[in-house]
Each structure stands twice: as C-alpha cells, then as structure tokens.
C-alpha cells in the first residue's frame, strides 16, 4: 500500500519561489532513492532532481541547477523541492518518484522508478 502524496504547487510569478513536497506512506523511506520529474503539455516527462537513499549526494538537470534544491527528511518520510527564481518554462506538472533497488544509479531515467506521486501543477506567469 505504498503511496506518495503531493503538497504544494500553485501559481507564482516569474522570479518567485515555491516549495513542493511529497510524503510517503507504506515505504521504508530511508531505503528509497527519490526523484522529481516534470511534464508540460506536449512534452515528455523530464528529470528535475534526485537524491540518494542516504547521504548528501544530489543530482540536478542543467536547466534547474543553482535554482532548485532537493532535500529529504527521513523522520517525516518527506522529500522536498525548493524552487527559486522560477521561470515560465518551469510550468509543468511535477511528480515525485521512489526506487528501492540496490545498485540503482540511473537517477535521471524516469523508467527506472517504481513508485510515483499523483503530481502537482506548478504554473509560473510571465
């Protein structure tokens, strides 16, 4: 009964900030690598950020590097995406994802993740 439930999302002006989160249940949270992906209308789902099961190692798409920050709080079973300096091209449905496989390293590939949240809309106005 694994679930990933989104919070946050909404409308923000260009240059603004937003934090979205994803809370997990039914998962041994610390055993999962976590990722954020996004999908805009007419576009393929694209990688945004990922974080390893444990430790401080993170990964970012070039398009969001230095603007977005992924973090996790294992005590709260929650992963966050802090989005700063938002641009209209950041507008998309954002999804969190989780994968527990050992030796999992292909964090940028959405096909490698087993569990997904329902998504939350982020809209950035020009």
Protein backbone atom coordinates (compact mmCIF):
# COMPACT_ATOMS: atom_id res chain seq x y z
CA UNK A 1 0.00 0.00 0.00
CA UNK A 2 2.78 2.34 -0.94
CA UNK A 3 1.67 5.93 -1.50
CA UNK A 4 3.34 9.19 -2.40
CA UNK A 5 1.16 12.24 -1.74
CA UNK A 6 1.99 15.72 -3.01
CA UNK A 7 1.60 19.02 -1.22
CA UNK A 8 2.21 22.49 -2.57
CA UNK A 9 2.10 23.60 -6.15
CA UNK A 10 0.18 26.56 -7.45
CA UNK A 11 0.62 29.82 -9.32
CA UNK A 12 3.65 32.05 -8.90
CA UNK A 13 5.09 34.99 -10.80
CA UNK A 14 8.35 34.70 -12.69
CA UNK A 15 11.26 35.22 -10.33
CA UNK A 16 9.31 33.91 -7.38
CA UNK A 17 9.79 30.84 -5.21
CA UNK A 18 7.76 27.80 -4.32
CA UNK A 19 8.35 24.68 -2.25
CA UNK A 20 6.58 21.46 -3.07
CA UNK A 21 6.73 18.26 -1.08
CA UNK A 22 5.86 14.60 -1.30
CA UNK A 23 5.04 12.50 1.75
CA UNK A 24 5.39 8.73 1.65
CA UNK A 25 3.49 6.02 3.46
CA UNK A 26 3.85 2.27 3.27
CA UNK A 27 7.52 2.63 2.43
CA UNK A 28 10.70 2.09 4.35
CA UNK A 29 11.52 5.63 3.38
CA UNK A 30 15.26 5.57 4.01
CA UNK A 31 15.58 2.57 1.68
CA UNK A 32 14.45 4.59 -1.35
CA UNK A 33 16.20 6.90 -3.70
CA UNK A 34 13.91 9.80 -4.58
CA UNK A 35 13.43 11.85 -7.70
CA UNK A 36 11.49 14.81 -9.02
CA UNK A 37 10.27 14.88 -12.61
CA UNK A 38 8.05 17.24 -14.53
CA UNK A 39 5.88 17.12 -17.62
CA UNK A 40 4.45 20.00 -19.60
CA UNK A 41 1.68 19.66 -22.22
CA UNK A 42 3.07 18.21 -25.42
CA UNK A 43 6.38 17.40 -23.74
CA UNK A 44 7.94 14.20 -22.49
CA UNK A 45 8.46 13.68 -18.80
CA UNK A 46 11.84 15.13 -17.88
CA UNK A 47 14.23 14.76 -15.00
CA UNK A 48 14.47 17.60 -12.49
CA UNK A 49 16.38 16.39 -9.43
CA UNK A 50 17.22 13.27 -7.43
CA UNK A 51 18.69 12.34 -4.07
CA UNK A 52 20.32 9.12 -2.91
CA UNK A 53 18.85 6.80 -0.27
CA UNK A 54 21.22 8.14 2.34
CA UNK A 55 23.80 10.85 2.44
CA UNK A 56 24.08 14.22 0.75
CA UNK A 57 24.54 13.26 -2.88
CA UNK A 58 22.10 15.04 -5.17
CA UNK A 59 21.63 15.36 -8.92
CA UNK A 60 20.06 18.13 -10.98
CA UNK A 61 19.06 18.83 -14.53
CA UNK A 62 21.15 21.59 -16.06
CA UNK A 63 18.01 23.67 -16.55
CA UNK A 64 17.35 23.91 -12.79
CA UNK A 65 20.85 23.73 -11.34
CA UNK A 66 21.53 26.60 -8.90
CA UNK A 67 17.81 27.41 -8.75
CA UNK A 68 16.21 24.25 -7.34
CA UNK A 69 17.16 22.22 -4.27
CA UNK A 70 16.05 18.70 -3.45
CA UNK A 71 16.12 17.55 0.16
CA UNK A 72 14.68 14.77 2.28
CA UNK A 73 13.60 14.38 5.87
CA UNK A 74 13.54 10.69 6.67
CA UNK A 75 11.95 11.32 10.07
CA UNK A 76 8.97 12.85 8.28
CA UNK A 77 9.03 10.48 5.30
CA UNK A 78 9.04 13.53 3.06
CA UNK A 79 11.02 14.77 0.07
CA UNK A 80 11.04 18.45 -0.85
CA UNK A 81 11.78 20.52 -3.90
CA UNK A 82 12.60 24.15 -3.22
CA UNK A 83 12.22 26.15 -6.41
CA UNK A 84 13.71 29.63 -6.64
CA UNK A 85 13.99 32.14 -9.49
CA UNK A 86 11.14 30.44 -11.27
CA UNK A 87 10.73 30.90 -15.00
CA UNK A 88 7.67 30.44 -17.22
CA UNK A 89 9.37 27.42 -18.78
CA UNK A 90 9.26 25.73 -15.37
CA UNK A 91 5.48 25.44 -15.76
CA UNK A 92 4.56 21.76 -15.62
CA UNK A 93 3.03 19.02 -13.55
CA UNK A 94 5.66 17.93 -11.06
CA UNK A 95 5.92 14.34 -9.88
CA UNK A 96 7.87 12.69 -7.10
CA UNK A 97 9.12 9.15 -7.53
CA UNK A 98 10.80 6.47 -5.43
CA UNK A 99 13.00 3.47 -6.17
CA UNK A 100 14.44 0.96 -3.70
CA UNK A 101 16.57 -1.30 -5.90
CA UNK A 102 20.11 -1.91 -4.79
CA UNK A 103 22.76 -0.64 -7.16
CA UNK A 104 20.28 1.85 -8.60
CA UNK A 105 22.27 4.72 -10.09
CA UNK A 106 20.34 5.85 -13.19
CA UNK A 107 18.55 8.62 -11.33
CA UNK A 108 17.76 10.67 -14.44
CA UNK A 109 15.69 7.96 -16.14
CA UNK A 110 12.03 8.07 -15.14
CA UNK A 111 11.53 4.48 -16.34
CA UNK A 112 13.76 3.28 -13.51
CA UNK A 113 11.41 4.44 -10.72
CA UNK A 114 8.75 2.13 -9.34
CA UNK A 115 6.50 4.39 -7.25
CA UNK A 116 5.03 7.74 -8.28
CA UNK A 117 3.01 10.50 -6.75
CA UNK A 118 -0.10 11.85 -8.46
CA UNK A 119 1.59 15.08 -9.49
CA UNK A 120 1.03 18.72 -8.64
CA UNK A 121 0.64 21.65 -11.01
CA UNK A 122 3.19 24.44 -10.91
CA UNK A 123 2.37 27.45 -13.07
CA UNK A 124 4.77 30.36 -13.49
CA UNK A 125 3.34 33.51 -15.03
CA UNK A 126 5.49 35.81 -17.15
